Amino acid sequence: MKTPNDPRHQKRITRMQQLFSYSFREVPVSEETAPIVEKLSEIDAHIEKAAPEWPLEKIAKIDLAILRLSVWELMFDTKNPKKVVIDEAVELGKSFGNEHSAKFINGVLGTIVKLSP
């Protein structure tokens, strides 16, 4: 588990919070989060394909923010190992989501990794 002072972990938390706010209304986001927002339609398509029984509007907004951030890291900003991205997402789900978030996030991201070339 990452320490609260880990700058990479803090950066993910900040991006997740911005994506969470953006999911309610399209608010301005930071320069670091803007590339994620620009790819939302592609990111959401990956999520929908991996979790077809869960329409995006039925996914908890915090879980969706975590998934969007993680899918962006897995598919577009590939400098971190997939296992690290998934582990971080699960930790965010445990910290910010409900009791089912971590398992759901892990399942969706695992499916995305399996479906990816």
PDB file of N, CA and C in Angstrom:
ATOM      1  N   MET A   1       0.839  -1.188   0.000  1.00  0.00           N
ATOM      2  CA  MET A   1       0.000   0.000   0.000  1.00  0.00           C
ATOM      3  C   MET A   1       0.881   1.247   0.000  1.00  0.00           C
ATOM      4  N   LYS A   2       0.482   2.228  -0.750  1.00  0.00           N
ATOM      5  CA  LYS A   2       1.259   3.454  -0.866  1.00  0.00           C
ATOM      6  C   LYS A   2       1.101   4.286   0.397  1.00  0.00           C
ATOM      7  N   THR A   3       2.173   4.992   0.743  1.00  0.00           N
ATOM      8  CA  THR A   3       2.091   5.898   1.879  1.00  0.00           C
ATOM      9  C   THR A   3       1.386   7.172   1.438  1.00  0.00           C
ATOM     10  N   PRO A   4       0.729   7.847   2.378  1.00  0.00           N
ATOM     11  CA  PRO A   4       0.004   9.069   2.013  1.00  0.00           C
ATOM     12  C   PRO A   4       0.899  10.141   1.411  1.00  0.00           C
ATOM     13  N   ASN A   5       2.209  10.072   1.675  1.00  0.00           N
ATOM     14  CA  ASN A   5       3.116  11.096   1.165  1.00  0.00           C
ATOM     15  C   ASN A   5       3.719  10.750  -0.190  1.00  0.00           C
ATOM     16  N   ASP A   6       3.417   9.595  -0.732  1.00  0.00           N
ATOM     17  CA  ASP A   6       3.933   9.196  -2.034  1.00  0.00           C
ATOM     18  C   ASP A   6       3.375  10.151  -3.086  1.00  0.00           C
ATOM     19  N   PRO A   7       4.233  10.917  -3.767  1.00  0.00           N
ATOM     20  CA  PRO A   7       3.719  11.902  -4.724  1.00  0.00           C
ATOM     21  C   PRO A   7       2.925  11.292  -5.876  1.00  0.00           C
ATOM     22  N   ARG A   8       3.277  10.075  -6.310  1.00  0.00           N
ATOM     23  CA  ARG A   8       2.518   9.442  -7.397  1.00  0.00           C
ATOM     24  C   ARG A   8       1.105   9.091  -6.930  1.00  0.00           C
ATOM     25  N   HIS A   9       1.006   8.623  -5.689  1.00  0.00           N
ATOM     26  CA  HIS A   9      -0.302   8.285  -5.125  1.00  0.00           C
ATOM     27  C   HIS A   9      -1.148   9.556  -4.975  1.00  0.00           C
ATOM     28  N   GLN A  10      -0.535  10.617  -4.486  1.00  0.00           N
ATOM     29  CA  GLN A  10      -1.256  11.884  -4.339  1.00  0.00           C
ATOM     30  C   GLN A  10      -1.722  12.426  -5.687  1.00  0.00           C
ATOM     31  N   LYS A  11      -0.885  12.256  -6.705  1.00  0.00           N
ATOM     32  CA  LYS A  11      -1.248  12.703  -8.054  1.00  0.00           C
ATOM     33  C   LYS A  11      -2.474  11.929  -8.557  1.00  0.00           C
ATOM     34  N   ARG A  12      -2.491  10.625  -8.300  1.00  0.00           N
ATOM     35  CA  ARG A  12      -3.657   9.820  -8.701  1.00  0.00           C
ATOM     36  C   ARG A  12      -4.909  10.264  -7.949  1.00  0.00           C
ATOM     37  N   ILE A  13      -4.778  10.533  -6.669  1.00  0.00           N
ATOM     38  CA  ILE A  13      -5.929  10.986  -5.884  1.00  0.00           C
ATOM     39  C   ILE A  13      -6.468  12.299  -6.455  1.00  0.00           C
ATOM     40  N   THR A  14      -5.584  13.227  -6.757  1.00  0.00           N
ATOM     41  CA  THR A  14      -6.011  14.521  -7.312  1.00  0.00           C
ATOM     42  C   THR A  14      -6.730  14.335  -8.642  1.00  0.00           C
ATOM     43  N   ARG A  15      -6.160  13.515  -9.517  1.00  0.00           N
ATOM     44  CA  ARG A  15      -6.804  13.260 -10.815  1.00  0.00           C
ATOM     45  C   ARG A  15      -8.154  12.573 -10.628  1.00  0.00           C
ATOM     46  N   MET A  16      -8.217  11.599  -9.726  1.00  0.00           N
ATOM     47  CA  MET A  16      -9.472  10.898  -9.462  1.00  0.00           C
ATOM     48  C   MET A  16     -10.530  11.885  -8.967  1.00  0.00           C
ATOM     49  N   GLN A  17     -10.148  12.784  -8.061  1.00  0.00           N
ATOM     50  CA  GLN A  17     -11.094  13.765  -7.536  1.00  0.00           C
ATOM     51  C   GLN A  17     -11.597  14.693  -8.639  1.00  0.00           C
ATOM     52  N   GLN A  18     -10.709  15.094  -9.542  1.00  0.00           N
ATOM     53  CA  GLN A  18     -11.129  15.950 -10.648  1.00  0.00           C
ATOM     54  C   GLN A  18     -12.081  15.208 -11.586  1.00  0.00           C
ATOM     55  N   LEU A  19     -11.773  13.951 -11.867  1.00  0.00           N
ATOM     56  CA  LEU A  19     -12.670  13.157 -12.724  1.00  0.00           C
ATOM     57  C   LEU A  19     -14.015  12.930 -12.044  1.00  0.00           C
ATOM     58  N   PHE A  20     -14.008  12.754 -10.737  1.00  0.00           N
ATOM     59  CA  PHE A  20     -15.255  12.604  -9.976  1.00  0.00           C
ATOM     60  C   PHE A  20     -16.094  13.868 -10.119  1.00  0.00           C
ATOM     61  N   SER A  21     -15.491  15.033  -9.903  1.00  0.00           N
ATOM     62  CA  SER A  21     -16.219  16.302 -10.058  1.00  0.00           C
ATOM     63  C   SER A  21     -16.724  16.477 -11.480  1.00  0.00           C
ATOM     64  N   TYR A  22     -15.898  16.125 -12.442  1.00  0.00           N
ATOM     65  CA  TYR A  22     -16.257  16.253 -13.856  1.00  0.00           C
ATOM     66  C   TYR A  22     -17.472  15.378 -14.202  1.00  0.00           C
ATOM     67  N   SER A  23     -17.643  14.262 -13.502  1.00  0.00           N
ATOM     68  CA  SER A  23     -18.753  13.360 -13.801  1.00  0.00           C
ATOM     69  C   SER A  23     -20.109  13.967 -13.431  1.00  0.00           C
ATOM     70  N   PHE A  24     -20.118  14.983 -12.562  1.00  0.00           N
ATOM     71  CA  PHE A  24     -21.369  15.649 -12.201  1.00  0.00           C
ATOM     72  C   PHE A  24     -21.684  16.795 -13.147  1.00  0.00           C
ATOM     73  N   ARG A  25     -20.658  17.549 -13.483  1.00  0.00           N
ATOM     74  CA  ARG A  25     -20.801  18.598 -14.494  1.00  0.00           C
ATOM     75  C   ARG A  25     -19.420  18.879 -15.044  1.00  0.00           C
ATOM     76  N   GLU A  26     -19.399  19.244 -16.267  1.00  0.00           N
ATOM     77  CA  GLU A  26     -18.134  19.421 -16.965  1.00  0.00           C
ATOM     78  C   GLU A  26     -17.433  20.669 -16.456  1.00  0.00           C
ATOM     79  N   VAL A  27     -16.659  20.475 -15.399  1.00  0.00           N
ATOM     80  CA  VAL A  27     -15.889  21.558 -14.792  1.00  0.00           C
ATOM     81  C   VAL A  27     -14.480  21.562 -15.379  1.00  0.00           C
ATOM     82  N   PRO A  28     -13.816  22.699 -15.331  1.00  0.00           N
ATOM     83  CA  PRO A  28     -12.423  22.723 -15.809  1.00  0.00           C
ATOM     84  C   PRO A  28     -11.556  21.760 -14.985  1.00  0.00           C
ATOM     85  N   VAL A  29     -10.619  21.126 -15.647  1.00  0.00           N
ATOM     86  CA  VAL A  29      -9.705  20.209 -14.980  1.00  0.00           C
ATOM     87  C   VAL A  29      -8.268  20.694 -15.193  1.00  0.00           C
ATOM     88  N   SER A  30      -7.361  20.160 -14.414  1.00  0.00           N
ATOM     89  CA  SER A  30      -5.964  20.568 -14.510  1.00  0.00           C
ATOM     90  C   SER A  30      -5.358  20.111 -15.834  1.00  0.00           C
ATOM     91  N   GLU A  31      -4.217  20.656 -16.111  1.00  0.00           N
ATOM     92  CA  GLU A  31      -3.465  20.290 -17.306  1.00  0.00           C
ATOM     93  C   GLU A  31      -3.115  18.797 -17.284  1.00  0.00           C
ATOM     94  N   GLU A  32      -2.888  18.255 -16.098  1.00  0.00           N
ATOM     95  CA  GLU A  32      -2.541  16.833 -15.974  1.00  0.00           C
ATOM     96  C   GLU A  32      -3.737  15.916 -16.200  1.00  0.00           C
ATOM     97  N   THR A  33      -4.937  16.393 -15.920  1.00  0.00           N
ATOM     98  CA  THR A  33      -6.143  15.577 -16.062  1.00  0.00           C
ATOM     99  C   THR A  33      -6.794  15.767 -17.433  1.00  0.00           C
ATOM    100  N   ALA A  34      -6.515  16.855 -18.093  1.00  0.00           N
ATOM    101  CA  ALA A  34      -7.119  17.148 -19.396  1.00  0.00           C
ATOM    102  C   ALA A  34      -6.937  16.027 -20.421  1.00  0.00           C
ATOM    103  N   PRO A  35      -5.755  15.383 -20.526  1.00  0.00           N
ATOM    104  CA  PRO A  35      -5.622  14.294 -21.503  1.00  0.00           C
ATOM    105  C   PRO A  35      -6.577  13.129 -21.233  1.00  0.00           C
ATOM    106  N   ILE A  36      -6.923  12.921 -19.987  1.00  0.00           N
ATOM    107  CA  ILE A  36      -7.872  11.850 -19.648  1.00  0.00           C
ATOM    108  C   ILE A  36      -9.261  12.227 -20.147  1.00  0.00           C
ATOM    109  N   VAL A  37      -9.665  13.468 -19.867  1.00  0.00           N
ATOM    110  CA  VAL A  37     -10.984  13.945 -20.283  1.00  0.00           C
ATOM    111  C   VAL A  37     -11.106  13.900 -21.806  1.00  0.00           C
ATOM    112  N   GLU A  38     -10.024  14.233 -22.510  1.00  0.00           N
ATOM    113  CA  GLU A  38     -10.041  14.207 -23.972  1.00  0.00           C
ATOM    114  C   GLU A  38     -10.294  12.803 -24.521  1.00  0.00           C
ATOM    115  N   LYS A  39      -9.923  11.778 -23.777  1.00  0.00           N
ATOM    116  CA  LYS A  39     -10.071  10.387 -24.230  1.00  0.00           C
ATOM    117  C   LYS A  39     -11.265   9.679 -23.586  1.00  0.00           C
ATOM    118  N   LEU A  40     -12.147  10.417 -22.912  1.00  0.00           N
ATOM    119  CA  LEU A  40     -13.232   9.767 -22.164  1.00  0.00           C
ATOM    120  C   LEU A  40     -14.095   8.843 -23.004  1.00  0.00           C
ATOM    121  N   SER A  41     -14.390   9.206 -24.232  1.00  0.00           N
ATOM    122  CA  SER A  41     -15.260   8.338 -25.036  1.00  0.00           C
ATOM    123  C   SER A  41     -14.576   6.998 -25.298  1.00  0.00           C
ATOM    124  N   GLU A  42     -13.277   7.010 -25.584  1.00  0.00           N
ATOM    125  CA  GLU A  42     -12.543   5.754 -25.791  1.00  0.00           C
ATOM    126  C   GLU A  42     -12.406   4.974 -24.487  1.00  0.00           C
ATOM    127  N   ILE A  43     -12.113   5.677 -23.408  1.00  0.00           N
ATOM    128  CA  ILE A  43     -11.982   5.045 -22.095  1.00  0.00           C
ATOM    129  C   ILE A  43     -13.298   4.392 -21.698  1.00  0.00           C
ATOM    130  N   ASP A  44     -14.390   5.137 -21.843  1.00  0.00           N
ATOM    131  CA  ASP A  44     -15.709   4.605 -21.487  1.00  0.00           C
ATOM    132  C   ASP A  44     -16.081   3.391 -22.336  1.00  0.00           C
ATOM    133  N   ALA A  45     -15.655   3.383 -23.594  1.00  0.00           N
ATOM    134  CA  ALA A  45     -15.931   2.221 -24.457  1.00  0.00           C
ATOM    135  C   ALA A  45     -15.231   0.972 -23.906  1.00  0.00           C
ATOM    136  N   HIS A  46     -14.016   1.126 -23.411  1.00  0.00           N
ATOM    137  CA  HIS A  46     -13.306  -0.009 -22.803  1.00  0.00           C
ATOM    138  C   HIS A  46     -14.036  -0.498 -21.546  1.00  0.00           C
ATOM    139  N   ILE A  47     -14.515   0.437 -20.740  1.00  0.00           N
ATOM    140  CA  ILE A  47     -15.236   0.073 -19.511  1.00  0.00           C
ATOM    141  C   ILE A  47     -16.527  -0.652 -19.864  1.00  0.00           C
ATOM    142  N   GLU A  48     -17.266  -0.120 -20.832  1.00  0.00           N
ATOM    143  CA  GLU A  48     -18.532  -0.744 -21.242  1.00  0.00           C
ATOM    144  C   GLU A  48     -18.317  -2.142 -21.798  1.00  0.00           C
ATOM    145  N   LYS A  49     -17.243  -2.332 -22.530  1.00  0.00           N
ATOM    146  CA  LYS A  49     -16.943  -3.650 -23.098  1.00  0.00           C
ATOM    147  C   LYS A  49     -16.572  -4.650 -21.999  1.00  0.00           C
ATOM    148  N   ALA A  50     -15.860  -4.175 -20.985  1.00  0.00           N
ATOM    149  CA  ALA A  50     -15.409  -5.057 -19.900  1.00  0.00           C
ATOM    150  C   ALA A  50     -16.511  -5.345 -18.885  1.00  0.00           C
ATOM    151  N   ALA A  51     -17.491  -4.454 -18.790  1.00  0.00           N
ATOM    152  CA  ALA A  51     -18.578  -4.624 -17.814  1.00  0.00           C
ATOM    153  C   ALA A  51     -19.917  -4.349 -18.488  1.00  0.00           C
ATOM    154  N   PRO A  52     -20.308  -5.189 -19.462  1.00  0.00           N
ATOM    155  CA  PRO A  52     -21.523  -4.900 -20.233  1.00  0.00           C
ATOM    156  C   PRO A  52     -22.800  -4.912 -19.393  1.00  0.00           C
ATOM    157  N   GLU A  53     -22.793  -5.618 -18.279  1.00  0.00           N
ATOM    158  CA  GLU A  53     -23.975  -5.666 -17.420  1.00  0.00           C
ATOM    159  C   GLU A  53     -24.099  -4.415 -16.539  1.00  0.00           C
ATOM    160  N   TRP A  54     -23.104  -3.534 -16.609  1.00  0.00           N
ATOM    161  CA  TRP A  54     -23.103  -2.304 -15.814  1.00  0.00           C
ATOM    162  C   TRP A  54     -23.033  -1.085 -16.730  1.00  0.00           C
ATOM    163  N   PRO A  55     -24.172  -0.517 -17.116  1.00  0.00           N
ATOM    164  CA  PRO A  55     -24.133   0.728 -17.892  1.00  0.00           C
ATOM    165  C   PRO A  55     -23.408   1.811 -17.083  1.00  0.00           C
ATOM    166  N   LEU A  56     -22.716   2.697 -17.755  1.00  0.00           N
ATOM    167  CA  LEU A  56     -21.931   3.721 -17.059  1.00  0.00           C
ATOM    168  C   LEU A  56     -22.748   4.502 -16.038  1.00  0.00           C
ATOM    169  N   GLU A  57     -23.997   4.803 -16.374  1.00  0.00           N
ATOM    170  CA  GLU A  57     -24.819   5.598 -15.445  1.00  0.00           C
ATOM    171  C   GLU A  57     -25.200   4.822 -14.182  1.00  0.00           C
ATOM    172  N   LYS A  58     -25.002   3.503 -14.193  1.00  0.00           N
ATOM    173  CA  LYS A  58     -25.304   2.677 -13.013  1.00  0.00           C
ATOM    174  C   LYS A  58     -24.069   2.453 -12.126  1.00  0.00           C
ATOM    175  N   ILE A  59     -22.880   2.775 -12.636  1.00  0.00           N
ATOM    176  CA  ILE A  59     -21.655   2.614 -11.862  1.00  0.00           C
ATOM    177  C   ILE A  59     -21.525   3.806 -10.923  1.00  0.00           C
ATOM    178  N   ALA A  60     -21.188   3.537  -9.664  1.00  0.00           N
ATOM    179  CA  ALA A  60     -20.981   4.622  -8.699  1.00  0.00           C
ATOM    180  C   ALA A  60     -19.969   5.614  -9.282  1.00  0.00           C
ATOM    181  N   LYS A  61     -20.246   6.899  -9.140  1.00  0.00           N
ATOM    182  CA  LYS A  61     -19.410   7.917  -9.770  1.00  0.00           C
ATOM    183  C   LYS A  61     -17.958   7.859  -9.289  1.00  0.00           C
ATOM    184  N   ILE A  62     -17.734   7.514  -8.045  1.00  0.00           N
ATOM    185  CA  ILE A  62     -16.350   7.420  -7.562  1.00  0.00           C
ATOM    186  C   ILE A  62     -15.653   6.224  -8.203  1.00  0.00           C
ATOM    187  N   ASP A  63     -16.369   5.105  -8.341  1.00  0.00           N
ATOM    188  CA  ASP A  63     -15.797   3.932  -9.008  1.00  0.00           C
ATOM    189  C   ASP A  63     -15.498   4.247 -10.475  1.00  0.00           C
ATOM    190  N   LEU A  64     -16.395   4.975 -11.103  1.00  0.00           N
ATOM    191  CA  LEU A  64     -16.201   5.351 -12.504  1.00  0.00           C
ATOM    192  C   LEU A  64     -14.973   6.263 -12.652  1.00  0.00           C
ATOM    193  N   ALA A  65     -14.801   7.184 -11.723  1.00  0.00           N
ATOM    194  CA  ALA A  65     -13.629   8.068 -11.772  1.00  0.00           C
ATOM    195  C   ALA A  65     -12.345   7.258 -11.635  1.00  0.00           C
ATOM    196  N   ILE A  66     -12.331   6.301 -10.728  1.00  0.00           N
ATOM    197  CA  ILE A  66     -11.159   5.448 -10.536  1.00  0.00           C
ATOM    198  C   ILE A  66     -10.910   4.611 -11.787  1.00  0.00           C
ATOM    199  N   LEU A  67     -11.971   4.043 -12.343  1.00  0.00           N
ATOM    200  CA  LEU A  67     -11.827   3.241 -13.560  1.00  0.00           C
ATOM    201  C   LEU A  67     -11.315   4.082 -14.724  1.00  0.00           C
ATOM    202  N   ARG A  68     -11.850   5.274 -14.896  1.00  0.00           N
ATOM    203  CA  ARG A  68     -11.422   6.127 -16.005  1.00  0.00           C
ATOM    204  C   ARG A  68      -9.933   6.468 -15.885  1.00  0.00           C
ATOM    205  N   LEU A  69      -9.509   6.827 -14.692  1.00  0.00           N
ATOM    206  CA  LEU A  69      -8.099   7.125 -14.476  1.00  0.00           C
ATOM    207  C   LEU A  69      -7.237   5.909 -14.783  1.00  0.00           C
ATOM    208  N   SER A  70      -7.650   4.765 -14.289  1.00  0.00           N
ATOM    209  CA  SER A  70      -6.858   3.540 -14.454  1.00  0.00           C
ATOM    210  C   SER A  70      -6.833   3.055 -15.897  1.00  0.00           C
ATOM    211  N   VAL A  71      -7.959   3.118 -16.576  1.00  0.00           N
ATOM    212  CA  VAL A  71      -7.988   2.710 -17.985  1.00  0.00           C
ATOM    213  C   VAL A  71      -7.099   3.641 -18.806  1.00  0.00           C
ATOM    214  N   TRP A  72      -7.117   4.917 -18.497  1.00  0.00           N
ATOM    215  CA  TRP A  72      -6.233   5.850 -19.199  1.00  0.00           C
ATOM    216  C   TRP A  72      -4.766   5.452 -18.993  1.00  0.00           C
ATOM    217  N   GLU A  73      -4.426   5.112 -17.749  1.00  0.00           N
ATOM    218  CA  GLU A  73      -3.049   4.688 -17.473  1.00  0.00           C
ATOM    219  C   GLU A  73      -2.712   3.378 -18.195  1.00  0.00           C
ATOM    220  N   LEU A  74      -3.660   2.456 -18.248  1.00  0.00           N
ATOM    221  CA  LEU A  74      -3.413   1.162 -18.890  1.00  0.00           C
ATOM    222  C   LEU A  74      -3.317   1.266 -20.407  1.00  0.00           C
ATOM    223  N   MET A  75      -4.139   2.119 -21.015  1.00  0.00           N
ATOM    224  CA  MET A  75      -4.257   2.138 -22.469  1.00  0.00           C
ATOM    225  C   MET A  75      -3.482   3.275 -23.157  1.00  0.00           C
ATOM    226  N   PHE A  76      -3.304   4.397 -22.476  1.00  0.00           N
ATOM    227  CA  PHE A  76      -2.735   5.570 -23.147  1.00  0.00           C
ATOM    228  C   PHE A  76      -1.446   6.090 -22.511  1.00  0.00           C
ATOM    229  N   ASP A  77      -1.331   5.985 -21.203  1.00  0.00           N
ATOM    230  CA  ASP A  77      -0.149   6.476 -20.486  1.00  0.00           C
ATOM    231  C   ASP A  77       0.536   5.266 -19.868  1.00  0.00           C
ATOM    232  N   THR A  78       1.165   4.484 -20.708  1.00  0.00           N
ATOM    233  CA  THR A  78       1.579   3.126 -20.347  1.00  0.00           C
ATOM    234  C   THR A  78       2.949   3.036 -19.671  1.00  0.00           C
ATOM    235  N   LYS A  79       3.372   4.086 -18.990  1.00  0.00           N
ATOM    236  CA  LYS A  79       4.703   4.048 -18.386  1.00  0.00           C
ATOM    237  C   LYS A  79       4.764   3.209 -17.106  1.00  0.00           C
ATOM    238  N   ASN A  80       3.625   2.952 -16.470  1.00  0.00           N
ATOM    239  CA  ASN A  80       3.597   2.127 -15.260  1.00  0.00           C
ATOM    240  C   ASN A  80       3.167   0.697 -15.596  1.00  0.00           C
ATOM    241  N   PRO A  81       3.731  -0.280 -14.899  1.00  0.00           N
ATOM    242  CA  PRO A  81       3.308  -1.667 -15.124  1.00  0.00           C
ATOM    243  C   PRO A  81       1.812  -1.844 -14.830  1.00  0.00           C
ATOM    244  N   LYS A  82       1.182  -2.714 -15.601  1.00  0.00           N
ATOM    245  CA  LYS A  82      -0.262  -2.937 -15.447  1.00  0.00           C
ATOM    246  C   LYS A  82      -0.622  -3.342 -14.029  1.00  0.00           C
ATOM    247  N   LYS A  83       0.198  -4.202 -13.418  1.00  0.00           N
ATOM    248  CA  LYS A  83      -0.075  -4.647 -12.048  1.00  0.00           C
ATOM    249  C   LYS A  83      -0.078  -3.472 -11.073  1.00  0.00           C
ATOM    250  N   VAL A  84       0.830  -2.529 -11.255  1.00  0.00           N
ATOM    251  CA  VAL A  84       0.896  -1.356 -10.384  1.00  0.00           C
ATOM    252  C   VAL A  84      -0.365  -0.509 -10.547  1.00  0.00           C
ATOM    253  N   VAL A  85      -0.787  -0.290 -11.783  1.00  0.00           N
ATOM    254  CA  VAL A  85      -1.990   0.506 -12.055  1.00  0.00           C
ATOM    255  C   VAL A  85      -3.211  -0.145 -11.397  1.00  0.00           C
ATOM    256  N   ILE A  86      -3.352  -1.451 -11.557  1.00  0.00           N
ATOM    257  CA  ILE A  86      -4.501  -2.150 -10.975  1.00  0.00           C
ATOM    258  C   ILE A  86      -4.435  -2.126  -9.457  1.00  0.00           C
ATOM    259  N   ASP A  87      -3.254  -2.372  -8.886  1.00  0.00           N
ATOM    260  CA  ASP A  87      -3.119  -2.325  -7.424  1.00  0.00           C
ATOM    261  C   ASP A  87      -3.475  -0.947  -6.874  1.00  0.00           C
ATOM    262  N   GLU A  88      -3.008   0.095  -7.538  1.00  0.00           N
ATOM    263  CA  GLU A  88      -3.337   1.461  -7.116  1.00  0.00           C
ATOM    264  C   GLU A  88      -4.849   1.712  -7.189  1.00  0.00           C
ATOM    265  N   ALA A  89      -5.467   1.253  -8.271  1.00  0.00           N
ATOM    266  CA  ALA A  89      -6.910   1.441  -8.435  1.00  0.00           C
ATOM    267  C   ALA A  89      -7.682   0.726  -7.333  1.00  0.00           C
ATOM    268  N   VAL A  90      -7.271  -0.481  -7.008  1.00  0.00           N
ATOM    269  CA  VAL A  90      -7.926  -1.237  -5.934  1.00  0.00           C
ATOM    270  C   VAL A  90      -7.776  -0.494  -4.602  1.00  0.00           C
ATOM    271  N   GLU A  91      -6.596   0.043  -4.341  1.00  0.00           N
ATOM    272  CA  GLU A  91      -6.377   0.806  -3.108  1.00  0.00           C
ATOM    273  C   GLU A  91      -7.264   2.052  -3.069  1.00  0.00           C
ATOM    274  N   LEU A  92      -7.391   2.738  -4.200  1.00  0.00           N
ATOM    275  CA  LEU A  92      -8.280   3.904  -4.252  1.00  0.00           C
ATOM    276  C   LEU A  92      -9.727   3.480  -3.998  1.00  0.00           C
ATOM    277  N   GLY A  93     -10.113   2.338  -4.565  1.00  0.00           N
ATOM    278  CA  GLY A  93     -11.462   1.827  -4.335  1.00  0.00           C
ATOM    279  C   GLY A  93     -11.707   1.526  -2.863  1.00  0.00           C
ATOM    280  N   LYS A  94     -10.709   0.948  -2.199  1.00  0.00           N
ATOM    281  CA  LYS A  94     -10.841   0.659  -0.762  1.00  0.00           C
ATOM    282  C   LYS A  94     -10.937   1.943   0.059  1.00  0.00           C
ATOM    283  N   SER A  95     -10.170   2.953  -0.341  1.00  0.00           N
ATOM    284  CA  SER A  95     -10.130   4.207   0.418  1.00  0.00           C
ATOM    285  C   SER A  95     -11.338   5.106   0.176  1.00  0.00           C
ATOM    286  N   PHE A  96     -11.830   5.144  -1.061  1.00  0.00           N
ATOM    287  CA  PHE A  96     -12.851   6.129  -1.411  1.00  0.00           C
ATOM    288  C   PHE A  96     -14.207   5.530  -1.787  1.00  0.00           C
ATOM    289  N   GLY A  97     -14.240   4.275  -2.167  1.00  0.00           N
ATOM    290  CA  GLY A  97     -15.487   3.656  -2.609  1.00  0.00           C
ATOM    291  C   GLY A  97     -16.231   2.963  -1.480  1.00  0.00           C
ATOM    292  N   ASN A  98     -17.149   2.108  -1.857  1.00  0.00           N
ATOM    293  CA  ASN A  98     -17.912   1.340  -0.864  1.00  0.00           C
ATOM    294  C   ASN A  98     -17.272  -0.032  -0.682  1.00  0.00           C
ATOM    295  N   GLU A  99     -17.922  -0.891   0.068  1.00  0.00           N
ATOM    296  CA  GLU A  99     -17.328  -2.198   0.379  1.00  0.00           C
ATOM    297  C   GLU A  99     -17.171  -3.098  -0.845  1.00  0.00           C
ATOM    298  N   HIS A 100     -17.857  -2.795  -1.927  1.00  0.00           N
ATOM    299  CA  HIS A 100     -17.778  -3.604  -3.145  1.00  0.00           C
ATOM    300  C   HIS A 100     -16.864  -3.002  -4.216  1.00  0.00           C
ATOM    301  N   SER A 101     -16.448  -1.771  -4.021  1.00  0.00           N
ATOM    302  CA  SER A 101     -15.700  -1.042  -5.050  1.00  0.00           C
ATOM    303  C   SER A 101     -14.409  -1.730  -5.473  1.00  0.00           C
ATOM    304  N   ALA A 102     -13.595  -2.116  -4.508  1.00  0.00           N
ATOM    305  CA  ALA A 102     -12.281  -2.684  -4.836  1.00  0.00           C
ATOM    306  C   ALA A 102     -12.417  -3.933  -5.705  1.00  0.00           C
ATOM    307  N   LYS A 103     -13.334  -4.803  -5.341  1.00  0.00           N
ATOM    308  CA  LYS A 103     -13.536  -6.042  -6.099  1.00  0.00           C
ATOM    309  C   LYS A 103     -14.055  -5.732  -7.514  1.00  0.00           C
ATOM    310  N   PHE A 104     -15.006  -4.818  -7.607  1.00  0.00           N
ATOM    311  CA  PHE A 104     -15.565  -4.434  -8.906  1.00  0.00           C
ATOM    312  C   PHE A 104     -14.478  -3.828  -9.798  1.00  0.00           C
ATOM    313  N   ILE A 105     -13.722  -2.891  -9.261  1.00  0.00           N
ATOM    314  CA  ILE A 105     -12.661  -2.227 -10.018  1.00  0.00           C
ATOM    315  C   ILE A 105     -11.627  -3.242 -10.480  1.00  0.00           C
ATOM    316  N   ASN A 106     -11.222  -4.131  -9.588  1.00  0.00           N
ATOM    317  CA  ASN A 106     -10.251  -5.165  -9.933  1.00  0.00           C
ATOM    318  C   ASN A 106     -10.768  -6.045 -11.075  1.00  0.00           C
ATOM    319  N   GLY A 107     -12.034  -6.434 -11.002  1.00  0.00           N
ATOM    320  CA  GLY A 107     -12.624  -7.279 -12.041  1.00  0.00           C
ATOM    321  C   GLY A 107     -12.687  -6.603 -13.399  1.00  0.00           C
ATOM    322  N   VAL A 108     -13.125  -5.341 -13.405  1.00  0.00           N
ATOM    323  CA  VAL A 108     -13.242  -4.611 -14.669  1.00  0.00           C
ATOM    324  C   VAL A 108     -11.860  -4.404 -15.283  1.00  0.00           C
ATOM    325  N   LEU A 109     -10.899  -3.976 -14.476  1.00  0.00           N
ATOM    326  CA  LEU A 109      -9.554  -3.719 -15.009  1.00  0.00           C
ATOM    327  C   LEU A 109      -8.880  -5.022 -15.443  1.00  0.00           C
ATOM    328  N   GLY A 110      -9.098  -6.092 -14.713  1.00  0.00           N
ATOM    329  CA  GLY A 110      -8.555  -7.394 -15.118  1.00  0.00           C
ATOM    330  C   GLY A 110      -9.101  -7.829 -16.464  1.00  0.00           C
ATOM    331  N   THR A 111     -10.387  -7.600 -16.681  1.00  0.00           N
ATOM    332  CA  THR A 111     -11.006  -7.938 -17.961  1.00  0.00           C
ATOM    333  C   THR A 111     -10.441  -7.072 -19.080  1.00  0.00           C
ATOM    334  N   ILE A 112     -10.254  -5.797 -18.821  1.00  0.00           N
ATOM    335  CA  ILE A 112      -9.697  -4.890 -19.829  1.00  0.00           C
ATOM    336  C   ILE A 112      -8.294  -5.343 -20.229  1.00  0.00           C
ATOM    337  N   VAL A 113      -7.491  -5.737 -19.254  1.00  0.00           N
ATOM    338  CA  VAL A 113      -6.133  -6.194 -19.544  1.00  0.00           C
ATOM    339  C   VAL A 113      -6.193  -7.474 -20.381  1.00  0.00           C
ATOM    340  N   LYS A 114      -7.108  -8.389 -20.049  1.00  0.00           N
ATOM    341  CA  LYS A 114      -7.239  -9.632 -20.822  1.00  0.00           C
ATOM    342  C   LYS A 114      -7.683  -9.374 -22.255  1.00  0.00           C
ATOM    343  N   LEU A 115      -8.565  -8.390 -22.439  1.00  0.00           N
ATOM    344  CA  LEU A 115      -9.084  -8.084 -23.771  1.00  0.00           C
ATOM    345  C   LEU A 115      -8.122  -7.254 -24.614  1.00  0.00           C
ATOM    346  N   SER A 116      -7.121  -6.649 -23.983  1.00  0.00           N
ATOM    347  CA  SER A 116      -6.176  -5.772 -24.692  1.00  0.00           C
ATOM    348  C   SER A 116      -5.083  -6.587 -25.371  1.00  0.00           C
ATOM    349  N   PRO A 117      -4.629  -6.074 -26.486  1.00  0.00           N
ATOM    350  CA  PRO A 117      -3.512  -6.753 -27.171  1.00  0.00           C
ATOM    351  C   PRO A 117      -2.218  -6.617 -26.378  1.00  0.00           C
TER     352      PRO A 117
END
